[in-house]
Amino acid sequence: MSTQIAVRLPDELVAKLDSIVRTGQEPSRASIVEQALLRELKRRAWAKEVEVLTAHGSTYEDLEGLDDYLGRILDPLD
């Protein structure tokens, strides 16, 4: 099941979406938006995990730098 929603996006962003679809990189605007939303939900879940780990004073050496790393790789795309 799916639900249709309406969103307003800047013309420049829609032009970039259309270019991606036109070149065949993705089948539709909706698929691009869906992928972006899924990435954002994952990013938020990962950020919450980091928050929980650091709030409990985690000193696991293998987690050192995880917050910075996730911040770098999950920054919004330009």
PDB file of N, CA and C in Angstrom:
ATOM      1  N   MET A   1       0.840  -1.181   0.000  1.00  0.00           N
ATOM      2  CA  MET A   1       0.000   0.000   0.000  1.00  0.00           C
ATOM      3  C   MET A   1       0.883   1.241   0.000  1.00  0.00           C
ATOM      4  N   SER A   2       0.433   2.270  -0.632  1.00  0.00           N
ATOM      5  CA  SER A   2       1.165   3.537  -0.616  1.00  0.00           C
ATOM      6  C   SER A   2       0.171   4.678  -0.532  1.00  0.00           C
ATOM      7  N   THR A   3       0.664   5.802  -0.058  1.00  0.00           N
ATOM      8  CA  THR A   3      -0.143   7.004   0.077  1.00  0.00           C
ATOM      9  C   THR A   3       0.502   8.114  -0.727  1.00  0.00           C
ATOM     10  N   GLN A   4      -0.285   8.788  -1.517  1.00  0.00           N
ATOM     11  CA  GLN A   4       0.235   9.905  -2.297  1.00  0.00           C
ATOM     12  C   GLN A   4       0.229  11.151  -1.429  1.00  0.00           C
ATOM     13  N   ILE A   5       1.349  11.887  -1.460  1.00  0.00           N
ATOM     14  CA  ILE A   5       1.429  13.154  -0.744  1.00  0.00           C
ATOM     15  C   ILE A   5       1.886  14.234  -1.723  1.00  0.00           C
ATOM     16  N   ALA A   6       1.601  15.456  -1.372  1.00  0.00           N
ATOM     17  CA  ALA A   6       2.043  16.574  -2.211  1.00  0.00           C
ATOM     18  C   ALA A   6       3.059  17.391  -1.420  1.00  0.00           C
ATOM     19  N   VAL A   7       4.151  17.729  -2.063  1.00  0.00           N
ATOM     20  CA  VAL A   7       5.162  18.573  -1.432  1.00  0.00           C
ATOM     21  C   VAL A   7       5.551  19.676  -2.406  1.00  0.00           C
ATOM     22  N   ARG A   8       5.943  20.794  -1.863  1.00  0.00           N
ATOM     23  CA  ARG A   8       6.436  21.895  -2.694  1.00  0.00           C
ATOM     24  C   ARG A   8       7.954  21.891  -2.608  1.00  0.00           C
ATOM     25  N   LEU A   9       8.582  21.916  -3.769  1.00  0.00           N
ATOM     26  CA  LEU A   9      10.036  21.929  -3.849  1.00  0.00           C
ATOM     27  C   LEU A   9      10.476  23.099  -4.723  1.00  0.00           C
ATOM     28  N   PRO A  10      11.647  23.642  -4.455  1.00  0.00           N
ATOM     29  CA  PRO A  10      12.156  24.733  -5.295  1.00  0.00           C
ATOM     30  C   PRO A  10      12.323  24.256  -6.746  1.00  0.00           C
ATOM     31  N   ASP A  11      12.082  25.156  -7.677  1.00  0.00           N
ATOM     32  CA  ASP A  11      12.186  24.832  -9.100  1.00  0.00           C
ATOM     33  C   ASP A  11      13.539  24.225  -9.459  1.00  0.00           C
ATOM     34  N   GLU A  12      14.610  24.747  -8.854  1.00  0.00           N
ATOM     35  CA  GLU A  12      15.955  24.258  -9.168  1.00  0.00           C
ATOM     36  C   GLU A  12      16.106  22.784  -8.765  1.00  0.00           C
ATOM     37  N   LEU A  13      15.529  22.424  -7.627  1.00  0.00           N
ATOM     38  CA  LEU A  13      15.614  21.048  -7.167  1.00  0.00           C
ATOM     39  C   LEU A  13      14.818  20.115  -8.073  1.00  0.00           C
ATOM     40  N   VAL A  14      13.648  20.556  -8.481  1.00  0.00           N
ATOM     41  CA  VAL A  14      12.824  19.754  -9.394  1.00  0.00           C
ATOM     42  C   VAL A  14      13.538  19.584 -10.735  1.00  0.00           C
ATOM     43  N   ALA A  15      14.215  20.621 -11.195  1.00  0.00           N
ATOM     44  CA  ALA A  15      14.971  20.519 -12.454  1.00  0.00           C
ATOM     45  C   ALA A  15      16.069  19.463 -12.338  1.00  0.00           C
ATOM     46  N   LYS A  16      16.733  19.403 -11.182  1.00  0.00           N
ATOM     47  CA  LYS A  16      17.765  18.381 -10.977  1.00  0.00           C
ATOM     48  C   LYS A  16      17.143  16.985 -10.953  1.00  0.00           C
ATOM     49  N   LEU A  17      15.993  16.845 -10.290  1.00  0.00           N
ATOM     50  CA  LEU A  17      15.295  15.555 -10.280  1.00  0.00           C
ATOM     51  C   LEU A  17      14.941  15.137 -11.701  1.00  0.00           C
ATOM     52  N   ASP A  18      14.375  16.071 -12.454  1.00  0.00           N
ATOM     53  CA  ASP A  18      13.970  15.768 -13.832  1.00  0.00           C
ATOM     54  C   ASP A  18      15.157  15.366 -14.699  1.00  0.00           C
ATOM     55  N   SER A  19      16.300  15.995 -14.464  1.00  0.00           N
ATOM     56  CA  SER A  19      17.500  15.649 -15.221  1.00  0.00           C
ATOM     57  C   SER A  19      17.935  14.214 -14.926  1.00  0.00           C
ATOM     58  N   ILE A  20      17.861  13.827 -13.680  1.00  0.00           N
ATOM     59  CA  ILE A  20      18.216  12.457 -13.285  1.00  0.00           C
ATOM     60  C   ILE A  20      17.273  11.453 -13.944  1.00  0.00           C
ATOM     61  N   VAL A  21      15.985  11.769 -13.948  1.00  0.00           N
ATOM     62  CA  VAL A  21      14.997  10.875 -14.565  1.00  0.00           C
ATOM     63  C   VAL A  21      15.187  10.835 -16.077  1.00  0.00           C
ATOM     64  N   ARG A  22      15.396  12.002 -16.671  1.00  0.00           N
ATOM     65  CA  ARG A  22      15.554  12.097 -18.121  1.00  0.00           C
ATOM     66  C   ARG A  22      16.742  11.280 -18.631  1.00  0.00           C
ATOM     67  N   THR A  23      17.822  11.237 -17.846  1.00  0.00           N
ATOM     68  CA  THR A  23      19.012  10.488 -18.262  1.00  0.00           C
ATOM     69  C   THR A  23      18.907   9.007 -17.920  1.00  0.00           C
ATOM     70  N   GLY A  24      17.801   8.605 -17.328  1.00  0.00           N
ATOM     71  CA  GLY A  24      17.578   7.196 -17.041  1.00  0.00           C
ATOM     72  C   GLY A  24      18.256   6.670 -15.787  1.00  0.00           C
ATOM     73  N   GLN A  25      18.797   7.573 -14.983  1.00  0.00           N
ATOM     74  CA  GLN A  25      19.454   7.139 -13.752  1.00  0.00           C
ATOM     75  C   GLN A  25      18.455   6.622 -12.721  1.00  0.00           C
ATOM     76  N   GLU A  26      17.260   7.149 -12.764  1.00  0.00           N
ATOM     77  CA  GLU A  26      16.165   6.725 -11.882  1.00  0.00           C
ATOM     78  C   GLU A  26      14.876   6.737 -12.696  1.00  0.00           C
ATOM     79  N   PRO A  27      13.918   5.884 -12.319  1.00  0.00           N
ATOM     80  CA  PRO A  27      12.697   5.800 -13.112  1.00  0.00           C
ATOM     81  C   PRO A  27      11.702   6.950 -12.908  1.00  0.00           C
ATOM     82  N   SER A  28      11.774   7.624 -11.754  1.00  0.00           N
ATOM     83  CA  SER A  28      10.780   8.673 -11.490  1.00  0.00           C
ATOM     84  C   SER A  28      11.244   9.609 -10.385  1.00  0.00           C
ATOM     85  N   ARG A  29      10.595  10.749 -10.315  1.00  0.00           N
ATOM     86  CA  ARG A  29      10.840  11.676  -9.209  1.00  0.00           C
ATOM     87  C   ARG A  29      10.533  10.981  -7.883  1.00  0.00           C
ATOM     88  N   ALA A  30       9.426  10.258  -7.869  1.00  0.00           N
ATOM     89  CA  ALA A  30       8.988   9.603  -6.634  1.00  0.00           C
ATOM     90  C   ALA A  30      10.052   8.640  -6.107  1.00  0.00           C
ATOM     91  N   SER A  31      10.705   7.908  -7.006  1.00  0.00           N
ATOM     92  CA  SER A  31      11.722   6.964  -6.544  1.00  0.00           C
ATOM     93  C   SER A  31      12.905   7.693  -5.905  1.00  0.00           C
ATOM     94  N   ILE A  32      13.264   8.839  -6.446  1.00  0.00           N
ATOM     95  CA  ILE A  32      14.366   9.624  -5.885  1.00  0.00           C
ATOM     96  C   ILE A  32      13.986  10.147  -4.503  1.00  0.00           C
ATOM     97  N   VAL A  33      12.780  10.690  -4.399  1.00  0.00           N
ATOM     98  CA  VAL A  33      12.318  11.221  -3.123  1.00  0.00           C
ATOM     99  C   VAL A  33      12.215  10.107  -2.086  1.00  0.00           C
ATOM    100  N   GLU A  34      11.707   8.954  -2.487  1.00  0.00           N
ATOM    101  CA  GLU A  34      11.590   7.827  -1.564  1.00  0.00           C
ATOM    102  C   GLU A  34      12.964   7.405  -1.044  1.00  0.00           C
ATOM    103  N   GLN A  35      13.939   7.296  -1.933  1.00  0.00           N
ATOM    104  CA  GLN A  35      15.287   6.922  -1.511  1.00  0.00           C
ATOM    105  C   GLN A  35      15.874   7.956  -0.549  1.00  0.00           C
ATOM    106  N   ALA A  36      15.642   9.221  -0.835  1.00  0.00           N
ATOM    107  CA  ALA A  36      16.157  10.286   0.033  1.00  0.00           C
ATOM    108  C   ALA A  36      15.515  10.220   1.415  1.00  0.00           C
ATOM    109  N   LEU A  37      14.220   9.968   1.459  1.00  0.00           N
ATOM    110  CA  LEU A  37      13.539   9.854   2.752  1.00  0.00           C
ATOM    111  C   LEU A  37      14.041   8.651   3.541  1.00  0.00           C
ATOM    112  N   LEU A  38      14.259   7.534   2.872  1.00  0.00           N
ATOM    113  CA  LEU A  38      14.782   6.357   3.555  1.00  0.00           C
ATOM    114  C   LEU A  38      16.178   6.628   4.112  1.00  0.00           C
ATOM    115  N   ARG A  39      17.025   7.320   3.335  1.00  0.00           N
ATOM    116  CA  ARG A  39      18.359   7.678   3.836  1.00  0.00           C
ATOM    117  C   ARG A  39      18.256   8.574   5.067  1.00  0.00           C
ATOM    118  N   GLU A  40      17.346   9.523   5.030  1.00  0.00           N
ATOM    119  CA  GLU A  40      17.179  10.437   6.167  1.00  0.00           C
ATOM    120  C   GLU A  40      16.699   9.688   7.407  1.00  0.00           C
ATOM    121  N   LEU A  41      15.777   8.764   7.231  1.00  0.00           N
ATOM    122  CA  LEU A  41      15.303   7.982   8.372  1.00  0.00           C
ATOM    123  C   LEU A  41      16.431   7.127   8.955  1.00  0.00           C
ATOM    124  N   LYS A  42      17.248   6.541   8.094  1.00  0.00           N
ATOM    125  CA  LYS A  42      18.404   5.770   8.571  1.00  0.00           C
ATOM    126  C   LYS A  42      19.393   6.673   9.295  1.00  0.00           C
ATOM    127  N   ARG A  43      19.642   7.856   8.736  1.00  0.00           N
ATOM    128  CA  ARG A  43      20.575   8.799   9.358  1.00  0.00           C
ATOM    129  C   ARG A  43      20.107   9.159  10.756  1.00  0.00           C
ATOM    130  N   ARG A  44      18.815   9.413  10.890  1.00  0.00           N
ATOM    131  CA  ARG A  44      18.273   9.755  12.204  1.00  0.00           C
ATOM    132  C   ARG A  44      18.393   8.595  13.187  1.00  0.00           C
ATOM    133  N   ALA A  45      18.156   7.383  12.711  1.00  0.00           N
ATOM    134  CA  ALA A  45      18.287   6.207  13.574  1.00  0.00           C
ATOM    135  C   ALA A  45      19.742   6.040  14.017  1.00  0.00           C
ATOM    136  N   TRP A  46      20.687   6.201  13.079  1.00  0.00           N
ATOM    137  CA  TRP A  46      22.106   6.077  13.424  1.00  0.00           C
ATOM    138  C   TRP A  46      22.518   7.174  14.406  1.00  0.00           C
ATOM    139  N   ALA A  47      22.043   8.386  14.172  1.00  0.00           N
ATOM    140  CA  ALA A  47      22.377   9.490  15.074  1.00  0.00           C
ATOM    141  C   ALA A  47      21.845   9.210  16.476  1.00  0.00           C
ATOM    142  N   LYS A  48      20.652   8.633  16.562  1.00  0.00           N
ATOM    143  CA  LYS A  48      20.075   8.286  17.859  1.00  0.00           C
ATOM    144  C   LYS A  48      20.926   7.223  18.549  1.00  0.00           C
ATOM    145  N   GLU A  49      21.414   6.243  17.786  1.00  0.00           N
ATOM    146  CA  GLU A  49      22.277   5.205  18.360  1.00  0.00           C
ATOM    147  C   GLU A  49      23.547   5.830  18.933  1.00  0.00           C
ATOM    148  N   VAL A  50      24.144   6.745  18.192  1.00  0.00           N
ATOM    149  CA  VAL A  50      25.351   7.420  18.676  1.00  0.00           C
ATOM    150  C   VAL A  50      25.028   8.195  19.945  1.00  0.00           C
ATOM    151  N   GLU A  51      23.892   8.877  19.953  1.00  0.00           N
ATOM    152  CA  GLU A  51      23.480   9.649  21.125  1.00  0.00           C
ATOM    153  C   GLU A  51      23.321   8.748  22.349  1.00  0.00           C
ATOM    154  N   VAL A  52      22.676   7.614  22.168  1.00  0.00           N
ATOM    155  CA  VAL A  52      22.468   6.672  23.276  1.00  0.00           C
ATOM    156  C   VAL A  52      23.806   6.141  23.785  1.00  0.00           C
ATOM    157  N   LEU A  53      24.672   5.751  22.864  1.00  0.00           N
ATOM    158  CA  LEU A  53      25.972   5.219  23.269  1.00  0.00           C
ATOM    159  C   LEU A  53      26.802   6.248  24.019  1.00  0.00           C
ATOM    160  N   THR A  54      26.821   7.476  23.515  1.00  0.00           N
ATOM    161  CA  THR A  54      27.647   8.491  24.164  1.00  0.00           C
ATOM    162  C   THR A  54      27.020   8.994  25.457  1.00  0.00           C
ATOM    163  N   ALA A  55      25.705   8.956  25.570  1.00  0.00           N
ATOM    164  CA  ALA A  55      25.033   9.402  26.789  1.00  0.00           C
ATOM    165  C   ALA A  55      25.333   8.480  27.964  1.00  0.00           C
ATOM    166  N   HIS A  56      25.632   7.244  27.673  1.00  0.00           N
ATOM    167  CA  HIS A  56      25.920   6.280  28.730  1.00  0.00           C
ATOM    168  C   HIS A  56      27.417   6.171  29.002  1.00  0.00           C
ATOM    169  N   GLY A  57      28.151   7.161  28.536  1.00  0.00           N
ATOM    170  CA  GLY A  57      29.578   7.191  28.809  1.00  0.00           C
ATOM    171  C   GLY A  57      30.356   6.070  28.156  1.00  0.00           C
ATOM    172  N   SER A  58      29.896   5.630  27.007  1.00  0.00           N
ATOM    173  CA  SER A  58      30.581   4.553  26.304  1.00  0.00           C
ATOM    174  C   SER A  58      32.030   4.943  26.052  1.00  0.00           C
ATOM    175  N   THR A  59      32.929   4.039  26.384  1.00  0.00           N
ATOM    176  CA  THR A  59      34.352   4.298  26.153  1.00  0.00           C
ATOM    177  C   THR A  59      34.939   3.265  25.199  1.00  0.00           C
ATOM    178  N   TYR A  60      34.084   2.590  24.450  1.00  0.00           N
ATOM    179  CA  TYR A  60      34.570   1.592  23.508  1.00  0.00           C
ATOM    180  C   TYR A  60      35.461   2.257  22.468  1.00  0.00           C
ATOM    181  N   GLU A  61      36.699   1.831  22.412  1.00  0.00           N
ATOM    182  CA  GLU A  61      37.648   2.442  21.477  1.00  0.00           C
ATOM    183  C   GLU A  61      37.227   2.266  20.033  1.00  0.00           C
ATOM    184  N   ASP A  62      36.543   1.170  19.716  1.00  0.00           N
ATOM    185  CA  ASP A  62      36.140   0.947  18.332  1.00  0.00           C
ATOM    186  C   ASP A  62      35.037   1.898  17.881  1.00  0.00           C
ATOM    187  N   LEU A  63      34.422   2.599  18.821  1.00  0.00           N
ATOM    188  CA  LEU A  63      33.380   3.568  18.459  1.00  0.00           C
ATOM    189  C   LEU A  63      33.926   4.991  18.383  1.00  0.00           C
ATOM    190  N   GLU A  64      35.179   5.173  18.752  1.00  0.00           N
ATOM    191  CA  GLU A  64      35.763   6.496  18.726  1.00  0.00           C
ATOM    192  C   GLU A  64      35.717   7.073  17.316  1.00  0.00           C
ATOM    193  N   GLY A  65      35.208   8.244  17.193  1.00  0.00           N
ATOM    194  CA  GLY A  65      35.123   8.901  15.898  1.00  0.00           C
ATOM    195  C   GLY A  65      33.878   8.556  15.097  1.00  0.00           C
ATOM    196  N   LEU A  66      33.019   7.664  15.626  1.00  0.00           N
ATOM    197  CA  LEU A  66      31.828   7.260  14.873  1.00  0.00           C
ATOM    198  C   LEU A  66      30.908   8.440  14.588  1.00  0.00           C
ATOM    199  N   ASP A  67      30.701   9.288  15.568  1.00  0.00           N
ATOM    200  CA  ASP A  67      29.822  10.439  15.389  1.00  0.00           C
ATOM    201  C   ASP A  67      30.341  11.357  14.286  1.00  0.00           C
ATOM    202  N   ASP A  68      31.642  11.650  14.321  1.00  0.00           N
ATOM    203  CA  ASP A  68      32.236  12.504  13.285  1.00  0.00           C
ATOM    204  C   ASP A  68      32.137  11.856  11.913  1.00  0.00           C
ATOM    205  N   TYR A  69      32.425  10.546  11.860  1.00  0.00           N
ATOM    206  CA  TYR A  69      32.362   9.816  10.589  1.00  0.00           C
ATOM    207  C   TYR A  69      30.958   9.862  10.000  1.00  0.00           C
ATOM    208  N   LEU A  70      29.964   9.546  10.809  1.00  0.00           N
ATOM    209  CA  LEU A  70      28.581   9.560  10.303  1.00  0.00           C
ATOM    210  C   LEU A  70      28.177  10.967   9.879  1.00  0.00           C
ATOM    211  N   GLY A  71      28.640  11.959  10.613  1.00  0.00           N
ATOM    212  CA  GLY A  71      28.331  13.341  10.230  1.00  0.00           C
ATOM    213  C   GLY A  71      28.893  13.699   8.871  1.00  0.00           C
ATOM    214  N   ARG A  72      30.083  13.192   8.571  1.00  0.00           N
ATOM    215  CA  ARG A  72      30.705  13.493   7.269  1.00  0.00           C
ATOM    216  C   ARG A  72      29.997  12.768   6.133  1.00  0.00           C
ATOM    217  N   ILE A  73      29.710  11.481   6.315  1.00  0.00           N
ATOM    218  CA  ILE A  73      29.144  10.722   5.185  1.00  0.00           C
ATOM    219  C   ILE A  73      27.653  10.958   5.008  1.00  0.00           C
ATOM    220  N   LEU A  74      26.998  11.484   6.029  1.00  0.00           N
ATOM    221  CA  LEU A  74      25.552  11.658   5.937  1.00  0.00           C
ATOM    222  C   LEU A  74      25.135  13.109   5.767  1.00  0.00           C
ATOM    223  N   ASP A  75      26.100  14.009   5.565  1.00  0.00           N
ATOM    224  CA  ASP A  75      25.745  15.404   5.312  1.00  0.00           C
ATOM    225  C   ASP A  75      24.872  15.487   4.071  1.00  0.00           C
ATOM    226  N   PRO A  76      23.921  16.427   4.076  1.00  0.00           N
ATOM    227  CA  PRO A  76      23.072  16.577   2.872  1.00  0.00           C
ATOM    228  C   PRO A  76      23.917  16.817   1.626  1.00  0.00           C
ATOM    229  N   LEU A  77      23.488  16.239   0.534  1.00  0.00           N
ATOM    230  CA  LEU A  77      24.193  16.415  -0.732  1.00  0.00           C
ATOM    231  C   LEU A  77      24.001  17.816  -1.263  1.00  0.00           C
ATOM    232  N   ASP A  78      25.040  18.342  -1.905  1.00  0.00           N
ATOM    233  CA  ASP A  78      24.947  19.681  -2.505  1.00  0.00           C
ATOM    234  C   ASP A  78      24.263  19.617  -3.842  1.00  0.00           C
TER     235      ASP A  78
END
